[in-house]
Amino acid sequence: VGLSLHSLMDGVAIAAALATHSNLGPLVVLGI
């Protein structure tokens, strides 16, 4: 349960980073 909530936040982070007008998205995806 705890790690699933963590994973949910990771997924939100990926979508938010990819929505920025920069190259942040792929860098965040690589970290995750």
PDB file of all heavy atoms in Angstrom:
ATOM      1  N   VAL A   1       0.836  -1.203   0.000  1.00  0.00           N
ATOM      2  CA  VAL A   1       0.000   0.000   0.000  1.00  0.00           C
ATOM      3  C   VAL A   1       0.868   1.250   0.000  1.00  0.00           C
ATOM      4  O   VAL A   1       0.661   2.182  -0.788  1.00  0.00           O
ATOM      5  CB  VAL A   1      -0.951   0.003   1.214  1.00  0.00           C
ATOM      6  CG1 VAL A   1      -1.662   1.355   1.335  1.00  0.00           C
ATOM      7  CG2 VAL A   1      -1.978  -1.117   1.092  1.00  0.00           C
ATOM      8  N   GLY A   2       1.879   1.273   0.884  1.00  0.00           N
ATOM      9  CA  GLY A   2       2.749   2.442   0.964  1.00  0.00           C
ATOM     10  C   GLY A   2       3.507   2.696  -0.321  1.00  0.00           C
ATOM     11  O   GLY A   2       3.567   3.827  -0.814  1.00  0.00           O
ATOM     12  N   LEU A   3       4.080   1.646  -0.901  1.00  0.00           N
ATOM     13  CA  LEU A   3       4.842   1.806  -2.134  1.00  0.00           C
ATOM     14  C   LEU A   3       3.930   2.092  -3.330  1.00  0.00           C
ATOM     15  O   LEU A   3       4.349   2.733  -4.293  1.00  0.00           O
ATOM     16  CB  LEU A   3       5.690   0.565  -2.401  1.00  0.00           C
ATOM     17  CG  LEU A   3       6.943   0.448  -1.523  1.00  0.00           C
ATOM     18  CD1 LEU A   3       7.652  -0.877  -1.776  1.00  0.00           C
ATOM     19  CD2 LEU A   3       7.897   1.604  -1.782  1.00  0.00           C
ATOM     20  N   SER A   4       2.682   1.627  -3.282  1.00  0.00           N
ATOM     21  CA  SER A   4       1.739   1.945  -4.363  1.00  0.00           C
ATOM     22  C   SER A   4       1.422   3.437  -4.380  1.00  0.00           C
ATOM     23  O   SER A   4       1.321   4.053  -5.455  1.00  0.00           O
ATOM     24  CB  SER A   4       0.446   1.134  -4.195  1.00  0.00           C
ATOM     25  OG  SER A   4       0.676  -0.238  -4.393  1.00  0.00           O
ATOM     26  N   LEU A   5       1.248   4.027  -3.196  1.00  0.00           N
ATOM     27  CA  LEU A   5       1.032   5.481  -3.132  1.00  0.00           C
ATOM     28  C   LEU A   5       2.249   6.231  -3.657  1.00  0.00           C
ATOM     29  O   LEU A   5       2.117   7.229  -4.375  1.00  0.00           O
ATOM     30  CB  LEU A   5       0.735   5.891  -1.687  1.00  0.00           C
ATOM     31  CG  LEU A   5      -0.593   5.399  -1.109  1.00  0.00           C
ATOM     32  CD1 LEU A   5      -0.683   5.741   0.372  1.00  0.00           C
ATOM     33  CD2 LEU A   5      -1.775   6.002  -1.869  1.00  0.00           C
ATOM     34  N   HIS A   6       3.424   5.728  -3.315  1.00  0.00           N
ATOM     35  CA  HIS A   6       4.664   6.304  -3.819  1.00  0.00           C
ATOM     36  C   HIS A   6       4.701   6.208  -5.348  1.00  0.00           C
ATOM     37  O   HIS A   6       5.055   7.169  -6.048  1.00  0.00           O
ATOM     38  CB  HIS A   6       5.836   5.554  -3.187  1.00  0.00           C
ATOM     39  CG  HIS A   6       7.177   6.077  -3.558  1.00  0.00           C
ATOM     40  ND1 HIS A   6       8.340   5.557  -3.048  1.00  0.00           N
ATOM     41  CD2 HIS A   6       7.558   7.053  -4.409  1.00  0.00           C
ATOM     42  CE1 HIS A   6       9.369   6.200  -3.549  1.00  0.00           C
ATOM     43  NE2 HIS A   6       8.923   7.107  -4.383  1.00  0.00           N
ATOM     44  N   SER A   7       4.339   5.056  -5.895  1.00  0.00           N
ATOM     45  CA  SER A   7       4.331   4.858  -7.345  1.00  0.00           C
ATOM     46  C   SER A   7       3.318   5.774  -8.025  1.00  0.00           C
ATOM     47  O   SER A   7       3.557   6.290  -9.119  1.00  0.00           O
ATOM     48  CB  SER A   7       4.000   3.396  -7.675  1.00  0.00           C
ATOM     49  OG  SER A   7       5.004   2.536  -7.187  1.00  0.00           O
ATOM     50  N   LEU A   8       2.171   5.957  -7.381  1.00  0.00           N
ATOM     51  CA  LEU A   8       1.150   6.866  -7.913  1.00  0.00           C
ATOM     52  C   LEU A   8       1.730   8.270  -8.061  1.00  0.00           C
ATOM     53  O   LEU A   8       1.530   8.938  -9.087  1.00  0.00           O
ATOM     54  CB  LEU A   8      -0.061   6.874  -6.979  1.00  0.00           C
ATOM     55  CG  LEU A   8      -1.325   7.566  -7.489  1.00  0.00           C
ATOM     56  CD1 LEU A   8      -2.006   6.701  -8.543  1.00  0.00           C
ATOM     57  CD2 LEU A   8      -2.282   7.823  -6.335  1.00  0.00           C
ATOM     58  N   MET A   9       2.480   8.717  -7.049  1.00  0.00           N
ATOM     59  CA  MET A   9       3.100  10.034  -7.104  1.00  0.00           C
ATOM     60  C   MET A   9       4.156  10.106  -8.208  1.00  0.00           C
ATOM     61  O   MET A   9       4.310  11.126  -8.876  1.00  0.00           O
ATOM     62  CB  MET A   9       3.724  10.367  -5.752  1.00  0.00           C
ATOM     63  CG  MET A   9       2.710  10.603  -4.646  1.00  0.00           C
ATOM     64  SD  MET A   9       3.506  10.884  -3.042  1.00  0.00           S
ATOM     65  CE  MET A   9       4.412  12.398  -3.376  1.00  0.00           C
ATOM     66  N   ASP A  10       4.892   9.004  -8.401  1.00  0.00           N
ATOM     67  CA  ASP A  10       5.865   8.970  -9.500  1.00  0.00           C
ATOM     68  C   ASP A  10       5.178   9.184 -10.842  1.00  0.00           C
ATOM     69  O   ASP A  10       5.684   9.910 -11.708  1.00  0.00           O
ATOM     70  CB  ASP A  10       6.593   7.623  -9.506  1.00  0.00           C
ATOM     71  CG  ASP A  10       7.746   7.564  -8.523  1.00  0.00           C
ATOM     72  OD1 ASP A  10       8.152   8.627  -8.008  1.00  0.00           O
ATOM     73  OD2 ASP A  10       8.240   6.458  -8.262  1.00  0.00           O
ATOM     74  N   GLY A  11       4.039   8.525 -11.033  1.00  0.00           N
ATOM     75  CA  GLY A  11       3.306   8.680 -12.285  1.00  0.00           C
ATOM     76  C   GLY A  11       2.825  10.098 -12.503  1.00  0.00           C
ATOM     77  O   GLY A  11       2.922  10.649 -13.618  1.00  0.00           O
ATOM     78  N   VAL A  12       2.316  10.729 -11.446  1.00  0.00           N
ATOM     79  CA  VAL A  12       1.898  12.130 -11.524  1.00  0.00           C
ATOM     80  C   VAL A  12       3.085  13.017 -11.889  1.00  0.00           C
ATOM     81  O   VAL A  12       2.973  13.939 -12.715  1.00  0.00           O
ATOM     82  CB  VAL A  12       1.273  12.572 -10.185  1.00  0.00           C
ATOM     83  CG1 VAL A  12       1.032  14.082 -10.178  1.00  0.00           C
ATOM     84  CG2 VAL A  12      -0.045  11.829  -9.940  1.00  0.00           C
ATOM     85  N   ALA A  13       4.250  12.718 -11.289  1.00  0.00           N
ATOM     86  CA  ALA A  13       5.454  13.507 -11.551  1.00  0.00           C
ATOM     87  C   ALA A  13       5.869  13.418 -13.015  1.00  0.00           C
ATOM     88  O   ALA A  13       6.274  14.423 -13.627  1.00  0.00           O
ATOM     89  CB  ALA A  13       6.589  13.028 -10.652  1.00  0.00           C
ATOM     90  N   ILE A  14       5.783  12.229 -13.592  1.00  0.00           N
ATOM     91  CA  ILE A  14       6.149  12.056 -15.002  1.00  0.00           C
ATOM     92  C   ILE A  14       5.275  12.929 -15.895  1.00  0.00           C
ATOM     93  O   ILE A  14       5.771  13.667 -16.757  1.00  0.00           O
ATOM     94  CB  ILE A  14       6.026  10.577 -15.414  1.00  0.00           C
ATOM     95  CG1 ILE A  14       7.120   9.744 -14.744  1.00  0.00           C
ATOM     96  CG2 ILE A  14       6.112  10.431 -16.934  1.00  0.00           C
ATOM     97  CD1 ILE A  14       6.949   8.245 -14.948  1.00  0.00           C
ATOM     98  N   ALA A  15       3.965  12.869 -15.685  1.00  0.00           N
ATOM     99  CA  ALA A  15       3.048  13.632 -16.528  1.00  0.00           C
ATOM    100  C   ALA A  15       3.255  15.136 -16.360  1.00  0.00           C
ATOM    101  O   ALA A  15       3.231  15.896 -17.334  1.00  0.00           O
ATOM    102  CB  ALA A  15       1.604  13.254 -16.193  1.00  0.00           C
ATOM    103  N   ALA A  16       3.484  15.585 -15.120  1.00  0.00           N
ATOM    104  CA  ALA A  16       3.682  17.015 -14.880  1.00  0.00           C
ATOM    105  C   ALA A  16       4.974  17.503 -15.517  1.00  0.00           C
ATOM    106  O   ALA A  16       5.015  18.581 -16.123  1.00  0.00           O
ATOM    107  CB  ALA A  16       3.695  17.292 -13.375  1.00  0.00           C
ATOM    108  N   ALA A  17       6.052  16.728 -15.386  1.00  0.00           N
ATOM    109  CA  ALA A  17       7.335  17.136 -15.962  1.00  0.00           C
ATOM    110  C   ALA A  17       7.275  17.189 -17.482  1.00  0.00           C
ATOM    111  O   ALA A  17       7.858  18.075 -18.113  1.00  0.00           O
ATOM    112  CB  ALA A  17       8.434  16.177 -15.507  1.00  0.00           C
ATOM    113  N   LEU A  18       6.564  16.247 -18.082  1.00  0.00           N
ATOM    114  CA  LEU A  18       6.431  16.243 -19.539  1.00  0.00           C
ATOM    115  C   LEU A  18       5.569  17.394 -20.043  1.00  0.00           C
ATOM    116  O   LEU A  18       5.652  17.778 -21.212  1.00  0.00           O
ATOM    117  CB  LEU A  18       5.842  14.908 -20.006  1.00  0.00           C
ATOM    118  CG  LEU A  18       6.764  13.693 -19.895  1.00  0.00           C
ATOM    119  CD1 LEU A  18       5.996  12.407 -20.168  1.00  0.00           C
ATOM    120  CD2 LEU A  18       7.933  13.811 -20.864  1.00  0.00           C
ATOM    121  N   ALA A  19       4.748  17.966 -19.145  1.00  0.00           N
ATOM    122  CA  ALA A  19       3.880  19.075 -19.544  1.00  0.00           C
ATOM    123  C   ALA A  19       4.583  20.423 -19.506  1.00  0.00           C
ATOM    124  O   ALA A  19       4.046  21.407 -19.999  1.00  0.00           O
ATOM    125  CB  ALA A  19       2.647  19.120 -18.637  1.00  0.00           C
ATOM    126  N   THR A  20       5.786  20.471 -18.904  1.00  0.00           N
ATOM    127  CA  THR A  20       6.507  21.749 -18.842  1.00  0.00           C
ATOM    128  C   THR A  20       7.078  22.102 -20.207  1.00  0.00           C
ATOM    129  O   THR A  20       7.339  21.229 -21.029  1.00  0.00           O
ATOM    130  CB  THR A  20       7.655  21.680 -17.821  1.00  0.00           C
ATOM    131  OG1 THR A  20       8.601  20.683 -18.239  1.00  0.00           O
ATOM    132  CG2 THR A  20       7.135  21.348 -16.435  1.00  0.00           C
ATOM    133  N   HIS A  21       7.283  23.410 -20.428  1.00  0.00           N
ATOM    134  CA  HIS A  21       7.840  23.876 -21.702  1.00  0.00           C
ATOM    135  C   HIS A  21       9.367  23.896 -21.611  1.00  0.00           C
ATOM    136  O   HIS A  21      10.015  24.930 -21.763  1.00  0.00           O
ATOM    137  CB  HIS A  21       7.279  25.255 -22.039  1.00  0.00           C
ATOM    138  CG  HIS A  21       5.795  25.274 -22.166  1.00  0.00           C
ATOM    139  ND1 HIS A  21       5.127  24.642 -23.190  1.00  0.00           N
ATOM    140  CD2 HIS A  21       4.833  25.823 -21.378  1.00  0.00           C
ATOM    141  CE1 HIS A  21       3.828  24.821 -23.054  1.00  0.00           C
ATOM    142  NE2 HIS A  21       3.618  25.516 -21.963  1.00  0.00           N
ATOM    143  N   SER A  22       9.940  22.739 -21.324  1.00  0.00           N
ATOM    144  CA  SER A  22      11.399  22.606 -21.205  1.00  0.00           C
ATOM    145  C   SER A  22      11.743  21.156 -21.492  1.00  0.00           C
ATOM    146  O   SER A  22      10.888  20.362 -21.869  1.00  0.00           O
ATOM    147  CB  SER A  22      11.863  23.006 -19.801  1.00  0.00           C
ATOM    148  OG  SER A  22      11.429  22.058 -18.841  1.00  0.00           O
ATOM    149  N   ASN A  23      13.002  20.821 -21.273  1.00  0.00           N
ATOM    150  CA  ASN A  23      13.434  19.436 -21.451  1.00  0.00           C
ATOM    151  C   ASN A  23      13.427  18.649 -20.140  1.00  0.00           C
ATOM    152  O   ASN A  23      14.123  17.645 -20.021  1.00  0.00           O
ATOM    153  CB  ASN A  23      14.854  19.409 -22.039  1.00  0.00           C
ATOM    154  CG  ASN A  23      14.856  19.711 -23.525  1.00  0.00           C
ATOM    155  OD1 ASN A  23      13.946  19.315 -24.249  1.00  0.00           O
ATOM    156  ND2 ASN A  23      15.870  20.432 -23.977  1.00  0.00           N
ATOM    157  N   LEU A  24      12.640  19.103 -19.175  1.00  0.00           N
ATOM    158  CA  LEU A  24      12.647  18.455 -17.860  1.00  0.00           C
ATOM    159  C   LEU A  24      12.064  17.053 -17.909  1.00  0.00           C
ATOM    160  O   LEU A  24      12.523  16.163 -17.184  1.00  0.00           O
ATOM    161  CB  LEU A  24      11.868  19.312 -16.857  1.00  0.00           C
ATOM    162  CG  LEU A  24      11.838  18.810 -15.417  1.00  0.00           C
ATOM    163  CD1 LEU A  24      13.237  18.774 -14.825  1.00  0.00           C
ATOM    164  CD2 LEU A  24      10.920  19.696 -14.565  1.00  0.00           C
ATOM    165  N   GLY A  25      11.051  16.831 -18.749  1.00  0.00           N
ATOM    166  CA  GLY A  25      10.338  15.553 -18.756  1.00  0.00           C
ATOM    167  C   GLY A  25      11.231  14.336 -18.891  1.00  0.00           C
ATOM    168  O   GLY A  25      11.203  13.444 -18.034  1.00  0.00           O
ATOM    169  N   PRO A  26      12.057  14.229 -19.941  1.00  0.00           N
ATOM    170  CA  PRO A  26      12.908  13.050 -20.087  1.00  0.00           C
ATOM    171  C   PRO A  26      13.891  12.868 -18.936  1.00  0.00           C
ATOM    172  O   PRO A  26      14.202  11.741 -18.552  1.00  0.00           O
ATOM    173  CB  PRO A  26      13.650  13.318 -21.400  1.00  0.00           C
ATOM    174  CG  PRO A  26      12.766  14.244 -22.157  1.00  0.00           C
ATOM    175  CD  PRO A  26      12.126  15.109 -21.125  1.00  0.00           C
ATOM    176  N   LEU A  27      14.376  13.973 -18.338  1.00  0.00           N
ATOM    177  CA  LEU A  27      15.305  13.862 -17.216  1.00  0.00           C
ATOM    178  C   LEU A  27      14.608  13.269 -15.992  1.00  0.00           C
ATOM    179  O   LEU A  27      15.178  12.450 -15.273  1.00  0.00           O
ATOM    180  CB  LEU A  27      15.881  15.238 -16.874  1.00  0.00           C
ATOM    181  CG  LEU A  27      16.792  15.862 -17.933  1.00  0.00           C
ATOM    182  CD1 LEU A  27      17.178  17.281 -17.535  1.00  0.00           C
ATOM    183  CD2 LEU A  27      18.035  15.020 -18.159  1.00  0.00           C
ATOM    184  N   VAL A  28      13.371  13.687 -15.742  1.00  0.00           N
ATOM    185  CA  VAL A  28      12.604  13.135 -14.617  1.00  0.00           C
ATOM    186  C   VAL A  28      12.285  11.663 -14.869  1.00  0.00           C
ATOM    187  O   VAL A  28      12.393  10.830 -13.964  1.00  0.00           O
ATOM    188  CB  VAL A  28      11.310  13.944 -14.396  1.00  0.00           C
ATOM    189  CG1 VAL A  28      10.382  13.235 -13.404  1.00  0.00           C
ATOM    190  CG2 VAL A  28      11.648  15.338 -13.884  1.00  0.00           C
ATOM    191  N   VAL A  29      11.907  11.343 -16.098  1.00  0.00           N
ATOM    192  CA  VAL A  29      11.612   9.947 -16.432  1.00  0.00           C
ATOM    193  C   VAL A  29      12.831   9.069 -16.188  1.00  0.00           C
ATOM    194  O   VAL A  29      12.719   7.971 -15.626  1.00  0.00           O
ATOM    195  CB  VAL A  29      11.144   9.821 -17.899  1.00  0.00           C
ATOM    196  CG1 VAL A  29      11.098   8.346 -18.319  1.00  0.00           C
ATOM    197  CG2 VAL A  29       9.766  10.450 -18.062  1.00  0.00           C
ATOM    198  N   LEU A  30      14.003   9.538 -16.573  1.00  0.00           N
ATOM    199  CA  LEU A  30      15.224   8.754 -16.366  1.00  0.00           C
ATOM    200  C   LEU A  30      15.490   8.533 -14.879  1.00  0.00           C
ATOM    201  O   LEU A  30      15.870   7.427 -14.460  1.00  0.00           O
ATOM    202  CB  LEU A  30      16.410   9.460 -17.022  1.00  0.00           C
ATOM    203  CG  LEU A  30      17.744   8.709 -17.004  1.00  0.00           C
ATOM    204  CD1 LEU A  30      17.612   7.350 -17.680  1.00  0.00           C
ATOM    205  CD2 LEU A  30      18.827   9.536 -17.692  1.00  0.00           C
ATOM    206  N   GLY A  31      15.286   9.571 -14.059  1.00  0.00           N
ATOM    207  CA  GLY A  31      15.469   9.424 -12.619  1.00  0.00           C
ATOM    208  C   GLY A  31      14.505   8.418 -12.024  1.00  0.00           C
ATOM    209  O   GLY A  31      14.886   7.584 -11.189  1.00  0.00           O
ATOM    210  N   ILE A  32      13.243   8.486 -12.437  1.00  0.00           N
ATOM    211  CA  ILE A  32      12.249   7.541 -11.939  1.00  0.00           C
ATOM    212  C   ILE A  32      12.564   6.129 -12.425  1.00  0.00           C
ATOM    213  O   ILE A  32      12.421   5.151 -11.691  1.00  0.00           O
ATOM    214  CB  ILE A  32      10.833   7.994 -12.368  1.00  0.00           C
ATOM    215  CG1 ILE A  32      10.445   9.260 -11.586  1.00  0.00           C
ATOM    216  CG2 ILE A  32       9.802   6.893 -12.145  1.00  0.00           C
ATOM    217  CD1 ILE A  32       9.135   9.882 -11.998  1.00  0.00           C
TER     218      ILE A  32
END
